[in-house]
C-alpha atoms as a PDB file:
ATOM      1  CA  UNK A   1      25.215 -14.127  32.579  1.00  0.00           C
ATOM      2  CA  UNK A   2      21.896 -12.709  31.343  1.00  0.00           C
ATOM      3  CA  UNK A   3      23.652  -9.455  30.438  1.00  0.00           C
ATOM      4  CA  UNK A   4      26.232 -11.324  28.358  1.00  0.00           C
ATOM      5  CA  UNK A   5      23.477 -13.257  26.539  1.00  0.00           C
ATOM      6  CA  UNK A   6      21.582 -10.042  25.761  1.00  0.00           C
ATOM      7  CA  UNK A   7      24.791  -8.366  24.594  1.00  0.00           C
ATOM      8  CA  UNK A   8      25.562 -11.326  22.291  1.00  0.00           C
ATOM      9  CA  UNK A   9      22.016 -11.235  20.885  1.00  0.00           C
ATOM     10  CA  UNK A  10      22.313  -7.512  20.192  1.00  0.00           C
ATOM     11  CA  UNK A  11      25.638  -8.034  18.362  1.00  0.00           C
ATOM     12  CA  UNK A  12      24.172 -10.858  16.259  1.00  0.00           C
ATOM     13  CA  UNK A  13      21.065  -8.771  15.442  1.00  0.00           C
ATOM     14  CA  UNK A  14      23.266  -5.823  14.433  1.00  0.00           C
ATOM     15  CA  UNK A  15      25.344  -8.018  12.124  1.00  0.00           C
ATOM     16  CA  UNK A  16      22.230  -9.547  10.540  1.00  0.00           C
ATOM     17  CA  UNK A  17      20.643  -6.112   9.977  1.00  0.00           C
ATOM     18  CA  UNK A  18      23.922  -4.870   8.496  1.00  0.00           C
ATOM     19  CA  UNK A  19      24.131  -7.813   6.078  1.00  0.00           C
ATOM     20  CA  UNK A  20      20.466  -7.417   5.095  1.00  0.00           C
ATOM     21  CA  UNK A  21      20.955  -3.707   4.479  1.00  0.00           C
ATOM     22  CA  UNK A  22      24.030  -4.389   2.346  1.00  0.00           C
ATOM     23  CA  UNK A  23      22.149  -6.978   0.269  1.00  0.00           C
ATOM     24  CA  UNK A  24      19.167  -4.654  -0.214  1.00  0.00           C
ATOM     25  CA  UNK A  25      21.426  -1.773  -1.209  1.00  0.00           C
ATOM     26  CA  UNK A  26      23.205  -3.959  -3.793  1.00  0.00           C
ATOM     27  CA  UNK A  27      19.883  -5.047  -5.319  1.00  0.00           C
ATOM     28  CA  UNK A  28      18.257  -1.590  -5.355  1.00  0.00           C
ATOM     29  CA  UNK A  29      19.645  -0.552  -8.736  1.00  0.00           C
ATOM     30  CA  UNK A  30      18.949  -3.988 -10.211  1.00  0.00           C
ATOM     31  CA  UNK A  31      15.312  -3.636  -9.108  1.00  0.00           C
ATOM     32  CA  UNK A  32      14.965  -0.113 -10.504  1.00  0.00           C
ATOM     33  CA  UNK A  33      16.606  -1.150 -13.780  1.00  0.00           C
ATOM     34  CA  UNK A  34      14.155  -4.054 -14.080  1.00  0.00           C
ATOM     35  CA  UNK A  35      11.212  -1.720 -13.513  1.00  0.00           C
ATOM     36  CA  UNK A  36      12.467   0.619 -16.234  1.00  0.00           C
ATOM     37  CA  UNK A  37      13.051  -2.304 -18.603  1.00  0.00           C
ATOM     38  CA  UNK A  38       9.516  -3.616 -18.060  1.00  0.00           C
ATOM     39  CA  UNK A  39       8.187  -0.131 -18.766  1.00  0.00           C
ATOM     40  CA  UNK A  40      10.070   0.061 -22.071  1.00  0.00           C
ATOM     41  CA  UNK A  41       8.350  -3.092 -23.284  1.00  0.00           C
ATOM     42  CA  UNK A  42       5.015  -1.739 -22.048  1.00  0.00           C
ATOM     43  CA  UNK A  43       4.607  -4.593 -19.567  1.00  0.00           C
ATOM     44  CA  UNK A  44       4.214  -1.990 -16.851  1.00  0.00           C
ATOM     45  CA  UNK A  45       2.333   1.287 -17.505  1.00  0.00           C
ATOM     46  CA  UNK A  46       4.409   4.418 -16.828  1.00  0.00           C
ATOM     47  CA  UNK A  47       2.189   5.784 -14.056  1.00  0.00           C
ATOM     48  CA  UNK A  48       2.303   2.467 -12.158  1.00  0.00           C
ATOM     49  CA  UNK A  49       6.064   2.237 -12.631  1.00  0.00           C
ATOM     50  CA  UNK A  50       6.569   5.784 -11.301  1.00  0.00           C
ATOM     51  CA  UNK A  51       4.474   5.144  -8.176  1.00  0.00           C
ATOM     52  CA  UNK A  52       6.337   1.904  -7.451  1.00  0.00           C
ATOM     53  CA  UNK A  53       9.741   3.547  -7.964  1.00  0.00           C
ATOM     54  CA  UNK A  54       8.840   6.388  -5.572  1.00  0.00           C
ATOM     55  CA  UNK A  55       7.736   3.871  -2.920  1.00  0.00           C
ATOM     56  CA  UNK A  56      10.894   1.771  -3.367  1.00  0.00           C
ATOM     57  CA  UNK A  57      13.201   4.807  -3.209  1.00  0.00           C
ATOM     58  CA  UNK A  58      11.512   6.107  -0.049  1.00  0.00           C
ATOM     59  CA  UNK A  59      11.747   2.632   1.536  1.00  0.00           C
ATOM     60  CA  UNK A  60      15.478   2.372   0.871  1.00  0.00           C
ATOM     61  CA  UNK A  61      15.927   5.998   1.941  1.00  0.00           C
ATOM     62  CA  UNK A  62      14.327   5.051   5.266  1.00  0.00           C
ATOM     63  CA  UNK A  63      16.801   2.166   5.692  1.00  0.00           C
ATOM     64  CA  UNK A  64      19.776   4.413   4.883  1.00  0.00           C
ATOM     65  CA  UNK A  65      18.581   7.101   7.309  1.00  0.00           C
ATOM     66  CA  UNK A  66      18.091   4.433   9.980  1.00  0.00           C
ATOM     67  CA  UNK A  67      21.768   3.499   9.663  1.00  0.00           C
ATOM     68  CA  UNK A  68      22.631   7.068  10.637  1.00  0.00           C
ATOM     69  CA  UNK A  69      20.214   7.183  13.552  1.00  0.00           C
ATOM     70  CA  UNK A  70      17.489   9.146  11.725  1.00  0.00           C
ATOM     71  CA  UNK A  71      13.941   7.837  12.089  1.00  0.00           C
ATOM     72  CA  UNK A  72      12.161   8.972   8.921  1.00  0.00           C
ATOM     73  CA  UNK A  73       9.025   7.111   9.987  1.00  0.00           C
ATOM     74  CA  UNK A  74       8.644   9.585  12.827  1.00  0.00           C
ATOM     75  CA  UNK A  75       8.918  12.534  10.418  1.00  0.00           C
ATOM     76  CA  UNK A  76       7.014  11.207   7.399  1.00  0.00           C
ATOM     77  CA  UNK A  77       4.561   8.756   8.987  1.00  0.00           C
ATOM     78  CA  UNK A  78       1.108  10.113   9.869  1.00  0.00           C
ATOM     79  CA  UNK A  79       0.620  11.144  13.503  1.00  0.00           C
ATOM     80  CA  UNK A  80      -2.609  12.169  15.228  1.00  0.00           C
ATOM     81  CA  UNK A  81      -3.316  15.846  14.422  1.00  0.00           C
ATOM     82  CA  UNK A  82      -2.996  16.939  18.085  1.00  0.00           C
ATOM     83  CA  UNK A  83       0.365  15.186  18.542  1.00  0.00           C
ATOM     84  CA  UNK A  84       3.508  17.299  18.760  1.00  0.00           C
ATOM     85  CA  UNK A  85       5.061  15.402  15.830  1.00  0.00           C
ATOM     86  CA  UNK A  86       2.126  16.015  13.471  1.00  0.00           C
ATOM     87  CA  UNK A  87       2.687  17.884  10.218  1.00  0.00           C
ATOM     88  CA  UNK A  88      -0.046  18.379   7.551  1.00  0.00           C
ATOM     89  CA  UNK A  89       2.369  17.143   4.870  1.00  0.00           C
ATOM     90  CA  UNK A  90       2.286  13.724   6.564  1.00  0.00           C
ATOM     91  CA  UNK A  91      -1.149  13.157   4.970  1.00  0.00           C
ATOM     92  CA  UNK A  92       0.776  12.802   1.693  1.00  0.00           C
ATOM     93  CA  UNK A  93       4.154  11.404   2.788  1.00  0.00           C
ATOM     94  CA  UNK A  94       2.801   8.530   4.903  1.00  0.00           C
ATOM     95  CA  UNK A  95       1.346   6.756   1.835  1.00  0.00           C
ATOM     96  CA  UNK A  96       4.873   6.277   0.444  1.00  0.00           C
ATOM     97  CA  UNK A  97       6.305   4.903   3.719  1.00  0.00           C
ATOM     98  CA  UNK A  98       6.378   1.230   4.731  1.00  0.00           C
ATOM     99  CA  UNK A  99       7.057  -0.643   7.961  1.00  0.00           C
ATOM    100  CA  UNK A 100       9.077  -3.497   6.460  1.00  0.00           C
ATOM    101  CA  UNK A 101      10.081  -5.514   3.417  1.00  0.00           C
ATOM    102  CA  UNK A 102       6.957  -7.704   3.301  1.00  0.00           C
ATOM    103  CA  UNK A 103       4.753  -4.639   3.820  1.00  0.00           C
ATOM    104  CA  UNK A 104       6.092  -2.857   0.748  1.00  0.00           C
ATOM    105  CA  UNK A 105       6.353  -6.081  -1.288  1.00  0.00           C
ATOM    106  CA  UNK A 106       2.659  -6.967  -0.974  1.00  0.00           C
ATOM    107  CA  UNK A 107       1.482  -3.372  -1.446  1.00  0.00           C
ATOM    108  CA  UNK A 108       3.545  -2.961  -4.618  1.00  0.00           C
ATOM    109  CA  UNK A 109       2.333  -6.301  -6.014  1.00  0.00           C
ATOM    110  CA  UNK A 110      -1.278  -5.225  -5.457  1.00  0.00           C
ATOM    111  CA  UNK A 111      -0.518  -1.819  -6.991  1.00  0.00           C
ATOM    112  CA  UNK A 112       1.021  -3.479 -10.057  1.00  0.00           C
ATOM    113  CA  UNK A 113      -1.795  -6.006 -10.580  1.00  0.00           C
ATOM    114  CA  UNK A 114      -4.773  -3.780  -9.891  1.00  0.00           C
ATOM    115  CA  UNK A 115      -3.123  -0.658 -11.297  1.00  0.00           C
ATOM    116  CA  UNK A 116      -2.812  -2.416 -14.657  1.00  0.00           C
ATOM    117  CA  UNK A 117      -6.429  -3.600 -14.455  1.00  0.00           C
ATOM    118  CA  UNK A 118      -7.633  -0.125 -13.396  1.00  0.00           C
ATOM    119  CA  UNK A 119      -6.062   1.355 -16.557  1.00  0.00           C
ATOM    120  CA  UNK A 120      -8.294  -0.792 -18.772  1.00  0.00           C
ATOM    121  CA  UNK A 121     -11.284   1.267 -17.578  1.00  0.00           C
ATOM    122  CA  UNK A 122      -9.820   4.605 -16.419  1.00  0.00           C
ATOM    123  CA  UNK A 123      -6.981   6.926 -17.456  1.00  0.00           C
ATOM    124  CA  UNK A 124      -3.420   7.164 -16.139  1.00  0.00           C
ATOM    125  CA  UNK A 125      -4.217  10.521 -14.505  1.00  0.00           C
ATOM    126  CA  UNK A 126      -7.158   8.933 -12.715  1.00  0.00           C
ATOM    127  CA  UNK A 127      -4.817   6.304 -11.272  1.00  0.00           C
ATOM    128  CA  UNK A 128      -2.335   8.911 -10.118  1.00  0.00           C
ATOM    129  CA  UNK A 129      -5.024  11.127  -8.613  1.00  0.00           C
ATOM    130  CA  UNK A 130      -6.918   8.270  -6.940  1.00  0.00           C
ATOM    131  CA  UNK A 131      -3.721   6.964  -5.324  1.00  0.00           C
ATOM    132  CA  UNK A 132      -3.370  10.338  -3.581  1.00  0.00           C
ATOM    133  CA  UNK A 133      -7.096  10.743  -2.861  1.00  0.00           C
ATOM    134  CA  UNK A 134      -7.368   7.254  -1.355  1.00  0.00           C
ATOM    135  CA  UNK A 135      -4.354   7.901   0.853  1.00  0.00           C
ATOM    136  CA  UNK A 136      -5.701  11.262   2.059  1.00  0.00           C
ATOM    137  CA  UNK A 137      -9.175   9.942   2.929  1.00  0.00           C
ATOM    138  CA  UNK A 138      -7.657   6.861   4.556  1.00  0.00           C
ATOM    139  CA  UNK A 139      -5.431   9.066   6.708  1.00  0.00           C
ATOM    140  CA  UNK A 140      -8.304  11.383   7.655  1.00  0.00           C
ATOM    141  CA  UNK A 141     -10.562   8.476   8.669  1.00  0.00           C
ATOM    142  CA  UNK A 142      -7.711   7.046  10.759  1.00  0.00           C
ATOM    143  CA  UNK A 143      -7.289  10.337  12.651  1.00  0.00           C
ATOM    144  CA  UNK A 144     -11.035  10.862  13.145  1.00  0.00           C
ATOM    145  CA  UNK A 145     -11.590   7.279  14.395  1.00  0.00           C
ATOM    146  CA  UNK A 146      -8.702   7.499  16.853  1.00  0.00           C
ATOM    147  CA  UNK A 147     -10.155  10.734  18.202  1.00  0.00           C
ATOM    148  CA  UNK A 148     -13.810   9.592  18.413  1.00  0.00           C
ATOM    149  CA  UNK A 149     -13.705   5.998  19.676  1.00  0.00           C
ATOM    150  CA  UNK A 150     -12.653   5.469  23.333  1.00  0.00           C
ATOM    151  CA  UNK A 151     -11.108   2.107  22.340  1.00  0.00           C
ATOM    152  CA  UNK A 152      -8.091   3.941  20.899  1.00  0.00           C
ATOM    153  CA  UNK A 153      -7.568   6.517  23.683  1.00  0.00           C
ATOM    154  CA  UNK A 154      -4.396   4.867  24.961  1.00  0.00           C
ATOM    155  CA  UNK A 155      -2.867   4.417  21.502  1.00  0.00           C
ATOM    156  CA  UNK A 156      -3.637   7.778  19.918  1.00  0.00           C
ATOM    157  CA  UNK A 157      -0.579   9.569  21.333  1.00  0.00           C
ATOM    158  CA  UNK A 158       1.965   6.960  20.214  1.00  0.00           C
ATOM    159  CA  UNK A 159       0.504   5.510  17.002  1.00  0.00           C
ATOM    160  CA  UNK A 160       1.951   6.272  13.569  1.00  0.00           C
ATOM    161  CA  UNK A 161       0.329   5.320  10.262  1.00  0.00           C
ATOM    162  CA  UNK A 162       2.456   4.237   7.268  1.00  0.00           C
ATOM    163  CA  UNK A 163       1.790   2.366   4.045  1.00  0.00           C
ATOM    164  CA  UNK A 164       0.196   2.562   0.600  1.00  0.00           C
ATOM    165  CA  UNK A 165      -2.604   0.135   1.511  1.00  0.00           C
ATOM    166  CA  UNK A 166      -5.356   2.797   1.632  1.00  0.00           C
ATOM    167  CA  UNK A 167      -4.279   4.111  -1.785  1.00  0.00           C
ATOM    168  CA  UNK A 168      -4.130   0.626  -3.290  1.00  0.00           C
ATOM    169  CA  UNK A 169      -7.507  -0.365  -1.841  1.00  0.00           C
ATOM    170  CA  UNK A 170      -9.030   2.777  -3.382  1.00  0.00           C
ATOM    171  CA  UNK A 171      -7.833   1.519  -6.780  1.00  0.00           C
ATOM    172  CA  UNK A 172      -9.236  -1.969  -6.101  1.00  0.00           C
ATOM    173  CA  UNK A 173     -12.635  -0.596  -4.968  1.00  0.00           C
ATOM    174  CA  UNK A 174     -12.950   1.782  -7.940  1.00  0.00           C
ATOM    175  CA  UNK A 175     -12.179  -1.012 -10.414  1.00  0.00           C
ATOM    176  CA  UNK A 176     -14.658  -3.347  -8.691  1.00  0.00           C
ATOM    177  CA  UNK A 177     -17.353  -0.643  -8.831  1.00  0.00           C
ATOM    178  CA  UNK A 178     -16.701   0.009 -12.548  1.00  0.00           C
ATOM    179  CA  UNK A 179     -16.586  -3.664 -13.584  1.00  0.00           C
ATOM    180  CA  UNK A 180     -18.071  -5.733 -10.711  1.00  0.00           C
ATOM    181  CA  UNK A 181     -18.403  -8.943 -12.745  1.00  0.00           C
ATOM    182  CA  UNK A 182     -14.905  -8.857 -14.241  1.00  0.00           C
ATOM    183  CA  UNK A 183     -13.117 -12.117 -13.400  1.00  0.00           C
ATOM    184  CA  UNK A 184      -9.557 -12.221 -12.056  1.00  0.00           C
ATOM    185  CA  UNK A 185      -7.438 -15.331 -11.572  1.00  0.00           C
ATOM    186  CA  UNK A 186      -6.208 -15.909  -8.012  1.00  0.00           C
ATOM    187  CA  UNK A 187      -3.638 -18.500  -7.041  1.00  0.00           C
ATOM    188  CA  UNK A 188      -5.346 -21.467  -5.281  1.00  0.00           C
ATOM    189  CA  UNK A 189      -8.786 -19.852  -5.624  1.00  0.00           C
ATOM    190  CA  UNK A 190      -9.174 -19.724  -9.408  1.00  0.00           C
ATOM    191  CA  UNK A 191     -11.386 -17.141 -11.157  1.00  0.00           C
ATOM    192  CA  UNK A 192     -13.290 -14.762  -8.888  1.00  0.00           C
ATOM    193  CA  UNK A 193     -15.441 -11.741  -9.705  1.00  0.00           C
ATOM    194  CA  UNK A 194     -14.012  -8.371  -8.676  1.00  0.00           C
ATOM    195  CA  UNK A 195     -17.045  -7.470  -6.546  1.00  0.00           C
ATOM    196  CA  UNK A 196     -16.548 -10.561  -4.367  1.00  0.00           C
ATOM    197  CA  UNK A 197     -12.813  -9.955  -4.034  1.00  0.00           C
ATOM    198  CA  UNK A 198     -13.433  -6.351  -2.944  1.00  0.00           C
ATOM    199  CA  UNK A 199     -16.102  -7.457  -0.445  1.00  0.00           C
ATOM    200  CA  UNK A 200     -13.761 -10.048   1.103  1.00  0.00           C
ATOM    201  CA  UNK A 201     -10.902  -7.547   1.458  1.00  0.00           C
ATOM    202  CA  UNK A 202     -13.167  -4.856   2.954  1.00  0.00           C
ATOM    203  CA  UNK A 203     -14.831  -7.444   5.235  1.00  0.00           C
ATOM    204  CA  UNK A 204     -11.432  -8.512   6.608  1.00  0.00           C
ATOM    205  CA  UNK A 205     -10.622  -4.876   7.399  1.00  0.00           C
ATOM    206  CA  UNK A 206     -13.948  -4.392   9.215  1.00  0.00           C
ATOM    207  CA  UNK A 207     -13.385  -7.532  11.321  1.00  0.00           C
ATOM    208  CA  UNK A 208      -9.790  -6.469  12.090  1.00  0.00           C
ATOM    209  CA  UNK A 209     -10.626  -3.043  13.553  1.00  0.00           C
ATOM    210  CA  UNK A 210     -10.069  -4.368  17.095  1.00  0.00           C
ATOM    211  CA  UNK A 211      -6.683  -5.925  16.200  1.00  0.00           C
ATOM    212  CA  UNK A 212      -3.231  -4.543  17.035  1.00  0.00           C
ATOM    213  CA  UNK A 213      -3.142  -2.812  13.627  1.00  0.00           C
ATOM    214  CA  UNK A 214      -6.553  -1.160  14.013  1.00  0.00           C
ATOM    215  CA  UNK A 215      -5.370   2.167  12.580  1.00  0.00           C
ATOM    216  CA  UNK A 216      -4.139   0.510   9.397  1.00  0.00           C
ATOM    217  CA  UNK A 217      -7.437  -1.315   8.832  1.00  0.00           C
ATOM    218  CA  UNK A 218      -9.446   1.870   9.455  1.00  0.00           C
ATOM    219  CA  UNK A 219      -7.278   3.647   6.862  1.00  0.00           C
ATOM    220  CA  UNK A 220      -7.934   0.790   4.412  1.00  0.00           C
ATOM    221  CA  UNK A 221     -11.672   1.362   4.801  1.00  0.00           C
ATOM    222  CA  UNK A 222     -11.168   5.080   4.137  1.00  0.00           C
ATOM    223  CA  UNK A 223      -9.280   4.209   0.954  1.00  0.00           C
ATOM    224  CA  UNK A 224     -12.031   1.825  -0.173  1.00  0.00           C
ATOM    225  CA  UNK A 225     -14.674   4.514   0.413  1.00  0.00           C
ATOM    226  CA  UNK A 226     -12.574   6.953  -1.631  1.00  0.00           C
ATOM    227  CA  UNK A 227     -12.432   4.460  -4.518  1.00  0.00           C
ATOM    228  CA  UNK A 228     -16.190   3.878  -4.484  1.00  0.00           C
ATOM    229  CA  UNK A 229     -16.878   7.614  -4.222  1.00  0.00           C
ATOM    230  CA  UNK A 230     -14.529   8.356  -7.130  1.00  0.00           C
ATOM    231  CA  UNK A 231     -16.015   5.691  -9.439  1.00  0.00           C
ATOM    232  CA  UNK A 232     -19.628   6.586  -8.583  1.00  0.00           C
ATOM    233  CA  UNK A 233     -18.977  10.307  -9.133  1.00  0.00           C
ATOM    234  CA  UNK A 234     -17.130   9.728 -12.401  1.00  0.00           C
ATOM    235  CA  UNK A 235     -20.069   7.728 -13.746  1.00  0.00           C
ATOM    236  CA  UNK A 236     -22.142  10.893 -13.190  1.00  0.00           C
ATOM    237  CA  UNK A 237     -19.601  13.136 -14.894  1.00  0.00           C
ATOM    238  CA  UNK A 238     -17.715  14.479 -11.827  1.00  0.00           C
ATOM    239  CA  UNK A 239     -13.986  13.743 -11.536  1.00  0.00           C
ATOM    240  CA  UNK A 240     -12.917  13.873  -7.867  1.00  0.00           C
ATOM    241  CA  UNK A 241      -9.244  13.617  -8.835  1.00  0.00           C
ATOM    242  CA  UNK A 242      -9.252  16.684 -11.129  1.00  0.00           C
ATOM    243  CA  UNK A 243      -7.962  19.088  -8.449  1.00  0.00           C
ATOM    244  CA  UNK A 244      -5.203  16.663  -7.394  1.00  0.00           C
ATOM    245  CA  UNK A 245      -4.027  16.217 -10.987  1.00  0.00           C
ATOM    246  CA  UNK A 246      -4.114  19.986 -11.538  1.00  0.00           C
ATOM    247  CA  UNK A 247      -1.843  20.502  -8.507  1.00  0.00           C
ATOM    248  CA  UNK A 248       0.483  17.665  -9.557  1.00  0.00           C
ATOM    249  CA  UNK A 249       0.742  18.993 -13.120  1.00  0.00           C
ATOM    250  CA  UNK A 250       1.503  22.481 -11.813  1.00  0.00           C
ATOM    251  CA  UNK A 251       4.205  21.093  -9.500  1.00  0.00           C
ATOM    252  CA  UNK A 252       5.782  18.922 -12.221  1.00  0.00           C
ATOM    253  CA  UNK A 253       5.776  21.842 -14.684  1.00  0.00           C
ATOM    254  CA  UNK A 254       8.141  23.741 -12.346  1.00  0.00           C
ATOM    255  CA  UNK A 255      10.879  21.247 -13.256  1.00  0.00           C
ATOM    256  CA  UNK A 256      10.276  21.314 -17.001  1.00  0.00           C
ATOM    257  CA  UNK A 257      12.442  23.540 -19.203  1.00  0.00           C
ATOM    258  CA  UNK A 258       9.597  24.698 -21.413  1.00  0.00           C
ATOM    259  CA  UNK A 259       7.967  26.374 -18.396  1.00  0.00           C
ATOM    260  CA  UNK A 260      10.858  28.840 -18.178  1.00  0.00           C
ATOM    261  CA  UNK A 261      11.367  29.394 -21.907  1.00  0.00           C
ATOM    262  CA  UNK A 262      10.236  32.726 -23.331  1.00  0.00           C
ATOM    263  CA  UNK A 263       7.211  32.115 -25.502  1.00  0.00           C
ATOM    264  CA  UNK A 264       7.458  33.633 -29.002  1.00  0.00           C
ATOM    265  CA  UNK A 265       4.860  36.125 -30.068  1.00  0.00           C
ATOM    266  CA  UNK A 266       1.845  34.614 -31.765  1.00  0.00           C
ATOM    267  CA  UNK A 267       1.729  35.059 -35.532  1.00  0.00           C
ATOM    268  CA  UNK A 268      -1.660  35.656 -37.072  1.00  0.00           C
ATOM    269  CA  UNK A 269      -2.261  34.531 -40.641  1.00  0.00           C
ATOM    270  CA  UNK A 270      -5.264  35.889 -42.497  1.00  0.00           C
ATOM    271  CA  UNK A 271      -7.133  33.965 -45.124  1.00  0.00           C
ATOM    272  CA  UNK A 272      -7.142  30.223 -45.703  1.00  0.00           C
ATOM    273  CA  UNK A 273     -10.379  29.839 -43.720  1.00  0.00           C
ATOM    274  CA  UNK A 274     -11.575  26.949 -45.902  1.00  0.00           C
ATOM    275  CA  UNK A 275      -8.347  25.013 -45.324  1.00  0.00           C
ATOM    276  CA  UNK A 276      -8.602  25.522 -41.530  1.00  0.00           C
ATOM    277  CA  UNK A 277     -12.193  24.332 -41.535  1.00  0.00           C
ATOM    278  CA  UNK A 278     -11.182  21.268 -43.533  1.00  0.00           C
ATOM    279  CA  UNK A 279      -8.379  20.524 -41.065  1.00  0.00           C
ATOM    280  CA  UNK A 280     -10.772  20.913 -38.120  1.00  0.00           C
ATOM    281  CA  UNK A 281     -13.242  18.569 -39.804  1.00  0.00           C
ATOM    282  CA  UNK A 282     -10.548  15.940 -40.458  1.00  0.00           C
ATOM    283  CA  UNK A 283      -9.268  16.227 -36.899  1.00  0.00           C
ATOM    284  CA  UNK A 284     -12.730  15.833 -35.375  1.00  0.00           C
ATOM    285  CA  UNK A 285     -13.519  12.904 -37.672  1.00  0.00           C
ATOM    286  CA  UNK A 286     -10.264  11.206 -36.653  1.00  0.00           C
ATOM    287  CA  UNK A 287     -10.969  11.761 -32.930  1.00  0.00           C
ATOM    288  CA  UNK A 288     -14.491  10.358 -33.309  1.00  0.00           C
ATOM    289  CA  UNK A 289     -13.175   7.292 -35.110  1.00  0.00           C
ATOM    290  CA  UNK A 290     -10.656   6.724 -32.303  1.00  0.00           C
ATOM    291  CA  UNK A 291     -13.357   7.119 -29.663  1.00  0.00           C
ATOM    292  CA  UNK A 292     -15.677   4.681 -31.472  1.00  0.00           C
ATOM    293  CA  UNK A 293     -12.848   2.153 -31.734  1.00  0.00           C
ATOM    294  CA  UNK A 294     -12.081   2.375 -27.980  1.00  0.00           C
ATOM    295  CA  UNK A 295     -15.801   1.948 -27.174  1.00  0.00           C
ATOM    296  CA  UNK A 296     -15.872  -1.153 -29.377  1.00  0.00           C
ATOM    297  CA  UNK A 297     -12.795  -2.606 -27.653  1.00  0.00           C
ATOM    298  CA  UNK A 298     -14.232  -1.909 -24.186  1.00  0.00           C
ATOM    299  CA  UNK A 299     -17.493  -3.622 -25.148  1.00  0.00           C
ATOM    300  CA  UNK A 300     -15.523  -6.635 -26.347  1.00  0.00           C
ATOM    301  CA  UNK A 301     -13.466  -6.589 -23.132  1.00  0.00           C
ATOM    302  CA  UNK A 302     -16.615  -6.512 -21.024  1.00  0.00           C
ATOM    303  CA  UNK A 303     -18.268  -9.379 -22.915  1.00  0.00           C
ATOM    304  CA  UNK A 304     -15.337 -11.706 -23.612  1.00  0.00           C
ATOM    305  CA  UNK A 305     -12.531 -10.688 -21.247  1.00  0.00           C
ATOM    306  CA  UNK A 306      -9.046  -9.264 -21.737  1.00  0.00           C
ATOM    307  CA  UNK A 307      -7.617 -12.420 -23.345  1.00  0.00           C
ATOM    308  CA  UNK A 308     -10.051 -12.117 -26.270  1.00  0.00           C
ATOM    309  CA  UNK A 309      -8.421  -8.848 -27.434  1.00  0.00           C
ATOM    310  CA  UNK A 310      -5.937  -8.841 -30.308  1.00  0.00           C
ATOM    311  CA  UNK A 311      -2.436  -7.368 -29.904  1.00  0.00           C
ATOM    312  CA  UNK A 312      -3.500  -4.226 -31.794  1.00  0.00           C
ATOM    313  CA  UNK A 313      -6.622  -3.822 -29.625  1.00  0.00           C
ATOM    314  CA  UNK A 314      -4.550  -4.170 -26.435  1.00  0.00           C
ATOM    315  CA  UNK A 315      -2.095  -1.562 -27.760  1.00  0.00           C
ATOM    316  CA  UNK A 316      -4.943   0.836 -28.642  1.00  0.00           C
ATOM    317  CA  UNK A 317      -6.426   0.407 -25.155  1.00  0.00           C
ATOM    318  CA  UNK A 318      -3.043   0.972 -23.511  1.00  0.00           C
ATOM    319  CA  UNK A 319      -2.359   4.115 -25.595  1.00  0.00           C
ATOM    320  CA  UNK A 320      -5.826   5.481 -24.779  1.00  0.00           C
ATOM    321  CA  UNK A 321      -5.227   4.961 -21.048  1.00  0.00           C
ATOM    322  CA  UNK A 322      -2.169   7.251 -21.206  1.00  0.00           C
ATOM    323  CA  UNK A 323      -4.037  10.154 -22.771  1.00  0.00           C
END
């Protein structure tokens, strides 16, 4: 009798999972098309859109692989470095993996909201680089903590870390460090300063270290530390994401046609020195005027908030964030 009940439950669960998978698969292209459409109208910055699309594609790839009996979480999720399943590449791949629909939904919403806010104060390359940096430091702190603290001795061999939370929290922490008094509107809570929001989120992670998802919360703290470190260093002139962006640019260039095209020989023209100097002067004057305008807009943003900006000022700020 019990066996029949269990068998019936398994059949029902299989049918439900199958229907859910079918529905998700049908809506995948609709979701991606919507993301691309939003990007065209500049509602969503390109770098944010690309990160979200990668996460969504990996999530659906995991579901498809699961249907064929392949557990991508085991291959791409982050294992403890002494585990037999560990691979150094997992320090990168785990930050694009998610444990379920709600997991990826909330992470992508946070990435969209705070990614857009981050780009008001930093560049698109900073966002891309910090996403990776936050994930790496979050993963490293997770592995170190599970090795050092006796509390996790029984879990270290079987635990697997997945999720973009550490990367997203790095973006939140960096933005809060750069503009601590910037107000954001939260549903039910109203306007709250970024510094208080960041403190609440980090405080929850600290208090949750002894929970069933201790590894995830430890990784979140690593991501937050990465964000603070990045923002503090950048204010002193050091960009911690420079090496990540250099590697990413080098990797992306491998797939660009111009990389493989034969470069024509350089032609040298003599004379016309006055004209060149005039062009250089005009170029530098134009760049300085642009820089002064962005500084003015940022000052206005800091004093009066984002809503006080005109359409042209918002466009100028958006264009500057992509450079």
